[in-house]
Amino acid sequence: METDRKEYLQRPLIEDVVYEITDNLIRVSNSNTLFINLTKRNRIQLAEVEKLFREIRKIAKNNPKLKLKGVTKFLPTIRELYPEYCEGASLIEKNFSEISKLFRQIKIDGLHRGYHDDELMNLSYAKKAEIERQHYSSSPYSQFVRCYTNLKSALKMRGWEDEGIVSYTVLLLPF
């Protein structure tokens, strides 16, 4: 295995590769290729989702145009999803950190032609695939995130305040 890496490192370097590796971003590219582009999101706290839910319920009580679907199931559902969301977030954070270390080493070694043979690149792509699995629509991680972004979006857009709107429904559990 080590000789394969030595052979890989003998190959010509890919030119003009730009490495952006921070606590929240891993982006490696040149003018022709985006080798990786990962952004780490902040964790969503259960209390924040509950706060947004209370806020939209209060608005709905005082605004006859705004209808909420899924009110009784919302809190039990997000509370049930939250531990699995946290597991998914931890897995993402762990893999992001490991990919960051791998790409810091790749930056030192340089990115060479035929990088598909590089064990560090392949390992980082395998870890990226684990992150992507958390984003599948059926995963608890993804469902929890969707509930949160749906609430945030509804409260930001405030579609029920448009004059021409007679009735506006927010689907609290969008899955």
N, C-alpha and C. Protein backbone atom coordinates (compact mmCIF):
# COMPACT_ATOMS: atom_id res chain seq x y z
N MET A 1 0.83 -1.19 0.00
CA MET A 1 0.00 0.00 0.00
C MET A 1 0.88 1.25 0.00
N GLU A 2 1.92 1.25 0.82
CA GLU A 2 2.80 2.41 0.92
C GLU A 2 3.51 2.69 -0.41
N THR A 3 3.87 1.62 -1.11
CA THR A 3 4.54 1.83 -2.41
C THR A 3 3.58 2.47 -3.41
N ASP A 4 2.28 2.15 -3.31
CA ASP A 4 1.30 2.79 -4.19
C ASP A 4 1.29 4.30 -3.96
N ARG A 5 1.34 4.71 -2.73
CA ARG A 5 1.34 6.14 -2.40
C ARG A 5 2.62 6.79 -2.91
N LYS A 6 3.75 6.09 -2.74
CA LYS A 6 5.03 6.63 -3.24
C LYS A 6 4.97 6.80 -4.75
N GLU A 7 4.40 5.82 -5.43
CA GLU A 7 4.27 5.90 -6.89
C GLU A 7 3.37 7.06 -7.26
N TYR A 8 2.27 7.21 -6.56
CA TYR A 8 1.33 8.32 -6.81
C TYR A 8 2.05 9.67 -6.65
N LEU A 9 2.85 9.80 -5.59
CA LEU A 9 3.52 11.07 -5.31
C LEU A 9 4.61 11.40 -6.34
N GLN A 10 5.01 10.43 -7.15
CA GLN A 10 6.00 10.68 -8.21
C GLN A 10 5.36 11.30 -9.45
N ARG A 11 4.05 11.22 -9.55
CA ARG A 11 3.35 11.74 -10.72
C ARG A 11 3.40 13.27 -10.75
N PRO A 12 3.16 13.86 -11.93
CA PRO A 12 3.17 15.33 -12.02
C PRO A 12 2.05 15.95 -11.17
N LEU A 13 2.33 17.12 -10.62
CA LEU A 13 1.34 17.83 -9.81
C LEU A 13 0.26 18.44 -10.71
N ILE A 14 -0.93 18.51 -10.17
CA ILE A 14 -2.00 19.26 -10.84
C ILE A 14 -1.75 20.73 -10.51
N GLU A 15 -1.83 21.57 -11.51
CA GLU A 15 -1.44 22.97 -11.33
C GLU A 15 -2.58 23.84 -10.79
N ASP A 16 -2.16 24.91 -10.13
CA ASP A 16 -3.06 25.98 -9.66
C ASP A 16 -4.19 25.50 -8.76
N VAL A 17 -3.90 24.54 -7.90
CA VAL A 17 -4.92 24.05 -6.97
C VAL A 17 -5.03 25.05 -5.81
N VAL A 18 -6.26 25.43 -5.49
CA VAL A 18 -6.52 26.35 -4.39
C VAL A 18 -7.14 25.55 -3.24
N TYR A 19 -6.52 25.65 -2.07
CA TYR A 19 -6.99 24.95 -0.88
C TYR A 19 -7.60 25.95 0.08
N GLU A 20 -8.88 25.80 0.39
CA GLU A 20 -9.53 26.60 1.43
C GLU A 20 -9.97 25.61 2.49
N ILE A 21 -9.26 25.60 3.60
CA ILE A 21 -9.58 24.67 4.68
C ILE A 21 -9.69 25.47 5.97
N THR A 22 -10.93 25.61 6.44
CA THR A 22 -11.18 26.34 7.69
C THR A 22 -11.99 25.43 8.61
N ASP A 23 -12.40 25.97 9.75
CA ASP A 23 -13.20 25.19 10.70
C ASP A 23 -14.56 24.81 10.12
N ASN A 24 -15.07 25.59 9.15
CA ASN A 24 -16.41 25.35 8.61
C ASN A 24 -16.45 25.10 7.11
N LEU A 25 -15.30 25.10 6.45
CA LEU A 25 -15.27 24.94 5.00
C LEU A 25 -14.07 24.13 4.56
N ILE A 26 -14.32 23.20 3.64
CA ILE A 26 -13.24 22.49 2.95
C ILE A 26 -13.58 22.62 1.48
N ARG A 27 -12.77 23.40 0.77
CA ARG A 27 -13.00 23.60 -0.66
C ARG A 27 -11.63 23.54 -1.35
N VAL A 28 -11.50 22.58 -2.25
CA VAL A 28 -10.26 22.40 -3.00
C VAL A 28 -10.63 22.37 -4.47
N SER A 29 -10.00 23.26 -5.23
CA SER A 29 -10.37 23.37 -6.64
C SER A 29 -9.23 23.96 -7.45
N ASN A 30 -9.36 23.85 -8.77
CA ASN A 30 -8.58 24.66 -9.69
C ASN A 30 -9.55 25.15 -10.75
N SER A 31 -9.06 25.75 -11.81
CA SER A 31 -9.98 26.34 -12.79
C SER A 31 -10.83 25.28 -13.50
N ASN A 32 -10.38 24.02 -13.50
CA ASN A 32 -11.11 22.97 -14.22
C ASN A 32 -11.95 22.06 -13.33
N THR A 33 -11.57 21.90 -12.07
CA THR A 33 -12.16 20.85 -11.25
C THR A 33 -12.43 21.33 -9.83
N LEU A 34 -13.59 20.92 -9.30
CA LEU A 34 -13.90 21.11 -7.89
C LEU A 34 -13.68 19.74 -7.25
N PHE A 35 -12.59 19.61 -6.52
CA PHE A 35 -12.24 18.31 -5.94
C PHE A 35 -13.11 17.99 -4.74
N ILE A 36 -13.38 18.99 -3.92
CA ILE A 36 -14.28 18.81 -2.77
C ILE A 36 -14.82 20.18 -2.37
N ASN A 37 -16.05 20.20 -1.89
CA ASN A 37 -16.67 21.43 -1.41
C ASN A 37 -17.63 21.05 -0.28
N LEU A 38 -17.19 21.21 0.94
CA LEU A 38 -18.00 20.84 2.11
C LEU A 38 -18.11 22.02 3.06
N THR A 39 -19.31 22.27 3.53
CA THR A 39 -19.54 23.31 4.52
C THR A 39 -20.15 22.67 5.75
N LYS A 40 -19.61 22.99 6.91
CA LYS A 40 -20.15 22.45 8.16
C LYS A 40 -21.16 23.44 8.72
N ARG A 41 -22.34 22.94 9.01
CA ARG A 41 -23.40 23.79 9.57
C ARG A 41 -23.35 23.75 11.09
N ASN A 42 -23.89 24.81 11.69
CA ASN A 42 -24.01 24.84 13.15
C ASN A 42 -25.11 23.88 13.58
N ARG A 43 -24.95 23.34 14.76
CA ARG A 43 -25.99 22.45 15.31
C ARG A 43 -27.24 23.24 15.65
N ILE A 44 -28.35 22.61 15.43
CA ILE A 44 -29.65 23.20 15.77
C ILE A 44 -30.02 22.69 17.16
N GLN A 45 -30.37 23.60 18.03
CA GLN A 45 -30.77 23.22 19.38
C GLN A 45 -32.28 22.97 19.42
N LEU A 46 -32.68 21.95 20.15
CA LEU A 46 -34.10 21.62 20.30
C LEU A 46 -34.87 22.83 20.82
N ALA A 47 -34.30 23.54 21.78
CA ALA A 47 -34.96 24.72 22.38
C ALA A 47 -35.26 25.78 21.32
N GLU A 48 -34.39 25.93 20.33
CA GLU A 48 -34.59 26.91 19.26
C GLU A 48 -35.80 26.52 18.40
N VAL A 49 -35.93 25.23 18.08
CA VAL A 49 -37.07 24.76 17.28
C VAL A 49 -38.36 24.95 18.07
N GLU A 50 -38.33 24.62 19.36
CA GLU A 50 -39.51 24.79 20.21
C GLU A 50 -39.91 26.25 20.31
N LYS A 51 -38.92 27.14 20.38
CA LYS A 51 -39.18 28.59 20.46
C LYS A 51 -39.87 29.07 19.17
N LEU A 52 -39.36 28.66 18.02
CA LEU A 52 -39.96 29.05 16.74
C LEU A 52 -41.40 28.52 16.63
N PHE A 53 -41.60 27.29 17.11
CA PHE A 53 -42.94 26.69 17.08
C PHE A 53 -43.92 27.51 17.94
N ARG A 54 -43.48 27.88 19.14
CA ARG A 54 -44.35 28.71 20.01
C ARG A 54 -44.66 30.05 19.34
N GLU A 55 -43.67 30.60 18.69
CA GLU A 55 -43.84 31.89 18.01
C GLU A 55 -44.89 31.80 16.90
N ILE A 56 -44.80 30.77 16.07
CA ILE A 56 -45.76 30.65 14.96
C ILE A 56 -47.16 30.30 15.47
N ARG A 57 -47.22 29.53 16.55
CA ARG A 57 -48.55 29.22 17.15
C ARG A 57 -49.22 30.47 17.69
N LYS A 58 -48.43 31.33 18.31
CA LYS A 58 -48.96 32.58 18.86
C LYS A 58 -49.50 33.46 17.72
N ILE A 59 -48.76 33.54 16.63
CA ILE A 59 -49.21 34.32 15.47
C ILE A 59 -50.50 33.74 14.92
N ALA A 60 -50.55 32.40 14.79
CA ALA A 60 -51.73 31.73 14.23
C ALA A 60 -52.98 31.96 15.10
N LYS A 61 -52.79 32.03 16.43
CA LYS A 61 -53.93 32.28 17.32
C LYS A 61 -54.56 33.64 17.06
N ASN A 62 -53.70 34.60 16.71
CA ASN A 62 -54.15 35.99 16.52
C ASN A 62 -54.39 36.37 15.06
N ASN A 63 -54.18 35.45 14.14
CA ASN A 63 -54.34 35.76 12.73
C ASN A 63 -55.18 34.66 12.08
N PRO A 64 -56.44 34.97 11.75
CA PRO A 64 -57.32 33.94 11.19
C PRO A 64 -56.90 33.45 9.79
N LYS A 65 -56.04 34.19 9.11
CA LYS A 65 -55.56 33.76 7.78
C LYS A 65 -54.58 32.59 7.89
N LEU A 66 -53.84 32.55 8.98
CA LEU A 66 -52.77 31.55 9.14
C LEU A 66 -53.31 30.26 9.74
N LYS A 67 -53.13 29.18 9.01
CA LYS A 67 -53.52 27.84 9.47
C LYS A 67 -52.24 27.01 9.63
N LEU A 68 -52.19 26.21 10.67
CA LEU A 68 -51.05 25.32 10.90
C LEU A 68 -51.52 23.88 10.81
N LYS A 69 -50.80 23.07 10.05
CA LYS A 69 -51.11 21.63 9.94
C LYS A 69 -50.04 20.85 10.69
N GLY A 70 -50.47 19.91 11.54
CA GLY A 70 -49.53 19.07 12.27
C GLY A 70 -49.18 19.59 13.65
N VAL A 71 -49.99 20.49 14.19
CA VAL A 71 -49.69 21.12 15.49
C VAL A 71 -49.54 20.10 16.61
N THR A 72 -50.48 19.16 16.73
CA THR A 72 -50.44 18.22 17.87
C THR A 72 -49.29 17.23 17.76
N LYS A 73 -48.88 16.90 16.54
CA LYS A 73 -47.80 15.92 16.37
C LYS A 73 -46.42 16.57 16.33
N PHE A 74 -46.35 17.90 16.16
CA PHE A 74 -45.06 18.55 15.94
C PHE A 74 -44.07 18.36 17.08
N LEU A 75 -44.43 18.80 18.28
CA LEU A 75 -43.48 18.70 19.40
C LEU A 75 -43.08 17.26 19.71
N PRO A 76 -44.03 16.32 19.81
CA PRO A 76 -43.60 14.93 20.05
C PRO A 76 -42.66 14.41 18.95
N THR A 77 -42.93 14.78 17.71
CA THR A 77 -42.10 14.30 16.59
C THR A 77 -40.69 14.87 16.65
N ILE A 78 -40.56 16.18 16.84
CA ILE A 78 -39.19 16.73 16.87
C ILE A 78 -38.42 16.28 18.10
N ARG A 79 -39.14 16.08 19.20
CA ARG A 79 -38.45 15.58 20.40
C ARG A 79 -37.98 14.15 20.21
N GLU A 80 -38.74 13.38 19.44
CA GLU A 80 -38.34 12.01 19.14
C GLU A 80 -37.16 11.99 18.15
N LEU A 81 -37.17 12.90 17.19
CA LEU A 81 -36.11 12.95 16.18
C LEU A 81 -34.79 13.51 16.73
N TYR A 82 -34.89 14.35 17.76
CA TYR A 82 -33.72 15.09 18.22
C TYR A 82 -32.50 14.23 18.60
N PRO A 83 -32.66 13.16 19.40
CA PRO A 83 -31.46 12.36 19.73
C PRO A 83 -30.77 11.79 18.47
N GLU A 84 -31.58 11.33 17.49
CA GLU A 84 -30.99 10.80 16.27
C GLU A 84 -30.40 11.92 15.41
N TYR A 85 -31.01 13.09 15.45
CA TYR A 85 -30.43 14.27 14.78
C TYR A 85 -29.04 14.54 15.38
N CYS A 86 -28.94 14.51 16.70
CA CYS A 86 -27.66 14.76 17.38
C CYS A 86 -26.60 13.72 16.99
N GLU A 87 -27.03 12.45 16.89
CA GLU A 87 -26.09 11.40 16.45
C GLU A 87 -25.59 11.70 15.04
N GLY A 88 -26.51 12.09 14.15
CA GLY A 88 -26.14 12.43 12.78
C GLY A 88 -25.21 13.63 12.74
N ALA A 89 -25.51 14.65 13.56
CA ALA A 89 -24.66 15.85 13.62
C ALA A 89 -23.27 15.49 14.12
N SER A 90 -23.19 14.61 15.11
CA SER A 90 -21.88 14.18 15.63
C SER A 90 -21.09 13.43 14.56
N LEU A 91 -21.76 12.56 13.82
CA LEU A 91 -21.10 11.82 12.74
C LEU A 91 -20.58 12.79 11.68
N ILE A 92 -21.39 13.76 11.32
CA ILE A 92 -20.98 14.76 10.33
C ILE A 92 -19.76 15.54 10.84
N GLU A 93 -19.81 15.98 12.08
CA GLU A 93 -18.69 16.75 12.66
C GLU A 93 -17.42 15.92 12.70
N LYS A 94 -17.52 14.65 13.08
CA LYS A 94 -16.36 13.76 13.14
C LYS A 94 -15.76 13.57 11.75
N ASN A 95 -16.61 13.27 10.76
CA ASN A 95 -16.12 13.07 9.41
C ASN A 95 -15.56 14.36 8.80
N PHE A 96 -16.20 15.48 9.09
CA PHE A 96 -15.71 16.77 8.59
C PHE A 96 -14.30 17.02 9.12
N SER A 97 -14.11 16.77 10.40
CA SER A 97 -12.81 16.96 11.03
C SER A 97 -11.75 16.04 10.40
N GLU A 98 -12.12 14.78 10.16
CA GLU A 98 -11.19 13.83 9.57
C GLU A 98 -10.87 14.20 8.12
N ILE A 99 -11.87 14.65 7.37
CA ILE A 99 -11.64 15.08 5.98
C ILE A 99 -10.72 16.30 5.97
N SER A 100 -10.92 17.19 6.91
CA SER A 100 -10.08 18.37 7.03
C SER A 100 -8.61 17.97 7.23
N LYS A 101 -8.37 17.01 8.13
CA LYS A 101 -6.99 16.53 8.37
C LYS A 101 -6.42 15.89 7.10
N LEU A 102 -7.24 15.08 6.41
CA LEU A 102 -6.77 14.43 5.19
C LEU A 102 -6.38 15.46 4.14
N PHE A 103 -7.20 16.48 3.97
CA PHE A 103 -6.91 17.50 2.96
C PHE A 103 -5.75 18.41 3.37
N ARG A 104 -5.52 18.56 4.65
CA ARG A 104 -4.31 19.30 5.07
C ARG A 104 -3.06 18.51 4.66
N GLN A 105 -3.13 17.18 4.78
CA GLN A 105 -2.01 16.34 4.34
C GLN A 105 -1.89 16.37 2.82
N ILE A 106 -3.01 16.32 2.12
CA ILE A 106 -3.00 16.38 0.65
C ILE A 106 -2.40 17.71 0.20
N LYS A 107 -2.70 18.78 0.91
CA LYS A 107 -2.13 20.10 0.57
C LYS A 107 -0.60 20.06 0.69
N ILE A 108 -0.11 19.41 1.74
CA ILE A 108 1.34 19.29 1.95
C ILE A 108 1.96 18.45 0.83
N ASP A 109 1.32 17.30 0.51
CA ASP A 109 1.86 16.39 -0.50
C ASP A 109 1.65 16.91 -1.91
N GLY A 110 0.64 17.73 -2.09
CA GLY A 110 0.26 18.19 -3.43
C GLY A 110 -0.74 17.22 -4.03
N LEU A 111 -1.55 17.73 -4.93
CA LEU A 111 -2.53 16.91 -5.63
C LEU A 111 -1.90 16.54 -6.97
N HIS A 112 -1.79 15.25 -7.22
CA HIS A 112 -1.09 14.75 -8.40
C HIS A 112 -2.07 14.21 -9.43
N ARG A 113 -1.61 14.14 -10.66
CA ARG A 113 -2.44 13.57 -11.73
C ARG A 113 -2.77 12.13 -11.38
N GLY A 114 -3.97 11.72 -11.77
CA GLY A 114 -4.41 10.37 -11.42
C GLY A 114 -4.77 10.27 -9.96
N TYR A 115 -5.28 11.38 -9.39
CA TYR A 115 -5.58 11.42 -7.95
C TYR A 115 -6.64 10.39 -7.54
N HIS A 116 -7.34 9.80 -8.50
CA HIS A 116 -8.33 8.76 -8.16
C HIS A 116 -7.66 7.53 -7.54
N ASP A 117 -6.36 7.40 -7.74
CA ASP A 117 -5.60 6.30 -7.13
C ASP A 117 -5.13 6.64 -5.72
N ASP A 118 -5.24 7.90 -5.33
CA ASP A 118 -4.69 8.33 -4.04
C ASP A 118 -5.54 7.83 -2.89
N GLU A 119 -4.91 7.12 -1.98
CA GLU A 119 -5.65 6.56 -0.84
C GLU A 119 -6.22 7.65 0.07
N LEU A 120 -5.55 8.78 0.20
CA LEU A 120 -6.08 9.86 1.05
C LEU A 120 -7.33 10.48 0.42
N MET A 121 -7.30 10.68 -0.90
CA MET A 121 -8.49 11.21 -1.59
C MET A 121 -9.65 10.23 -1.47
N ASN A 122 -9.36 8.96 -1.69
CA ASN A 122 -10.43 7.95 -1.62
C ASN A 122 -11.02 7.84 -0.22
N LEU A 123 -10.17 7.94 0.79
CA LEU A 123 -10.64 7.91 2.17
C LEU A 123 -11.51 9.14 2.46
N SER A 124 -11.08 10.30 1.98
CA SER A 124 -11.87 11.51 2.22
C SER A 124 -13.21 11.43 1.48
N TYR A 125 -13.23 10.86 0.29
CA TYR A 125 -14.49 10.72 -0.45
C TYR A 125 -15.44 9.72 0.24
N ALA A 126 -14.88 8.69 0.85
CA ALA A 126 -15.71 7.73 1.59
C ALA A 126 -16.34 8.41 2.81
N LYS A 127 -15.58 9.25 3.49
CA LYS A 127 -16.11 9.98 4.64
C LYS A 127 -17.14 11.02 4.20
N LYS A 128 -16.93 11.61 3.05
CA LYS A 128 -17.90 12.57 2.49
C LYS A 128 -19.22 11.85 2.18
N ALA A 129 -19.13 10.62 1.68
CA ALA A 129 -20.34 9.83 1.39
C ALA A 129 -21.12 9.55 2.68
N GLU A 130 -20.41 9.31 3.79
CA GLU A 130 -21.08 9.10 5.08
C GLU A 130 -21.85 10.36 5.51
N ILE A 131 -21.26 11.52 5.26
CA ILE A 131 -21.93 12.79 5.56
C ILE A 131 -23.17 12.92 4.69
N GLU A 132 -23.03 12.64 3.40
CA GLU A 132 -24.14 12.79 2.46
C GLU A 132 -25.31 11.88 2.82
N ARG A 133 -25.03 10.69 3.38
CA ARG A 133 -26.11 9.78 3.78
C ARG A 133 -27.01 10.41 4.86
N GLN A 134 -26.44 11.29 5.68
CA GLN A 134 -27.25 11.96 6.71
C GLN A 134 -28.27 12.90 6.08
N HIS A 135 -27.99 13.33 4.86
CA HIS A 135 -28.86 14.29 4.18
C HIS A 135 -29.95 13.63 3.34
N TYR A 136 -29.99 12.29 3.32
CA TYR A 136 -31.08 11.61 2.62
C TYR A 136 -32.39 12.03 3.27
N SER A 137 -33.43 12.20 2.48
CA SER A 137 -34.68 12.75 3.01
C SER A 137 -35.33 11.87 4.09
N SER A 138 -35.04 10.58 4.09
CA SER A 138 -35.65 9.69 5.08
C SER A 138 -34.90 9.65 6.41
N SER A 139 -33.73 10.28 6.48
CA SER A 139 -32.94 10.20 7.72
C SER A 139 -33.51 11.13 8.80
N PRO A 140 -33.45 10.72 10.07
CA PRO A 140 -33.92 11.58 11.16
C PRO A 140 -33.19 12.93 11.17
N TYR A 141 -31.90 12.93 10.85
CA TYR A 141 -31.13 14.18 10.78
C TYR A 141 -31.80 15.14 9.79
N SER A 142 -32.04 14.65 8.60
CA SER A 142 -32.63 15.47 7.54
C SER A 142 -34.05 15.92 7.88
N GLN A 143 -34.83 15.05 8.47
CA GLN A 143 -36.21 15.40 8.84
C GLN A 143 -36.23 16.50 9.90
N PHE A 144 -35.34 16.40 10.87
CA PHE A 144 -35.27 17.42 11.92
C PHE A 144 -34.86 18.77 11.31
N VAL A 145 -33.85 18.74 10.45
CA VAL A 145 -33.39 19.97 9.80
C VAL A 145 -34.51 20.58 8.97
N ARG A 146 -35.27 19.74 8.27
CA ARG A 146 -36.38 20.24 7.44
C ARG A 146 -37.45 20.93 8.29
N CYS A 147 -37.78 20.35 9.45
CA CYS A 147 -38.76 20.98 10.35
C CYS A 147 -38.28 22.37 10.76
N TYR A 148 -37.01 22.46 11.12
CA TYR A 148 -36.43 23.72 11.57
C TYR A 148 -36.41 24.76 10.44
N THR A 149 -35.90 24.38 9.28
CA THR A 149 -35.80 25.34 8.17
C THR A 149 -37.18 25.74 7.68
N ASN A 150 -38.12 24.83 7.72
CA ASN A 150 -39.49 25.12 7.33
C ASN A 150 -40.10 26.20 8.24
N LEU A 151 -39.91 26.04 9.54
CA LEU A 151 -40.41 27.02 10.52
C LEU A 151 -39.73 28.37 10.32
N LYS A 152 -38.40 28.35 10.21
CA LYS A 152 -37.64 29.59 10.02
C LYS A 152 -38.09 30.32 8.76
N SER A 153 -38.26 29.57 7.70
CA SER A 153 -38.67 30.15 6.42
C SER A 153 -40.07 30.77 6.51
N ALA A 154 -41.00 30.04 7.12
CA ALA A 154 -42.37 30.55 7.26
C ALA A 154 -42.38 31.84 8.06
N LEU A 155 -41.61 31.89 9.15
CA LEU A 155 -41.57 33.08 9.99
C LEU A 155 -40.86 34.25 9.31
N LYS A 156 -39.92 33.94 8.44
CA LYS A 156 -39.21 34.99 7.71
C LYS A 156 -40.07 35.55 6.58
N MET A 157 -40.71 34.66 5.81
CA MET A 157 -41.49 35.08 4.64
C MET A 157 -42.83 35.71 5.02
N ARG A 158 -43.45 35.19 6.08
CA ARG A 158 -44.73 35.71 6.57
C ARG A 158 -45.76 35.88 5.46
N GLY A 159 -45.95 34.82 4.67
CA GLY A 159 -46.88 34.83 3.55
C GLY A 159 -48.30 35.20 3.91
N TRP A 160 -48.70 34.93 5.14
CA TRP A 160 -50.05 35.23 5.59
C TRP A 160 -50.30 36.75 5.69
N GLU A 161 -49.23 37.55 5.65
CA GLU A 161 -49.39 39.00 5.76
C GLU A 161 -49.67 39.66 4.40
N ASP A 162 -49.52 38.92 3.30
CA ASP A 162 -49.81 39.49 1.98
C ASP A 162 -51.29 39.83 1.89
N GLU A 163 -51.60 41.02 1.34
CA GLU A 163 -52.99 41.49 1.28
C GLU A 163 -53.92 40.57 0.51
N GLY A 164 -53.44 40.03 -0.62
CA GLY A 164 -54.29 39.20 -1.47
C GLY A 164 -54.55 37.80 -0.93
N ILE A 165 -53.88 37.43 0.13
CA ILE A 165 -54.01 36.08 0.69
C ILE A 165 -55.24 35.99 1.59
N VAL A 166 -56.07 34.99 1.30
CA VAL A 166 -57.27 34.75 2.11
C VAL A 166 -56.95 33.75 3.22
N SER A 167 -56.17 32.71 2.85
CA SER A 167 -55.81 31.67 3.80
C SER A 167 -54.40 31.18 3.48
N TYR A 168 -53.60 31.00 4.51
CA TYR A 168 -52.21 30.58 4.34
C TYR A 168 -51.94 29.42 5.30
N THR A 169 -51.52 28.28 4.76
CA THR A 169 -51.29 27.09 5.58
C THR A 169 -49.80 26.78 5.66
N VAL A 170 -49.33 26.54 6.87
CA VAL A 170 -47.95 26.10 7.08
C VAL A 170 -47.99 24.64 7.51
N LEU A 171 -47.32 23.80 6.72
CA LEU A 171 -47.21 22.38 7.02
C LEU A 171 -46.03 22.21 7.98
N LEU A 172 -46.31 21.93 9.24
CA LEU A 172 -45.27 21.87 10.26
C LEU A 172 -44.37 20.65 10.13
N LEU A 173 -44.91 19.54 9.66
CA LEU A 173 -44.11 18.32 9.47
C LEU A 173 -44.04 18.04 7.96
N PRO A 174 -43.03 18.61 7.28
CA PRO A 174 -42.96 18.55 5.82
C PRO A 174 -42.40 17.23 5.27
N PHE A 175 -42.81 16.11 5.84
CA PHE A 175 -42.36 14.81 5.32
C PHE A 175 -43.42 13.77 5.54
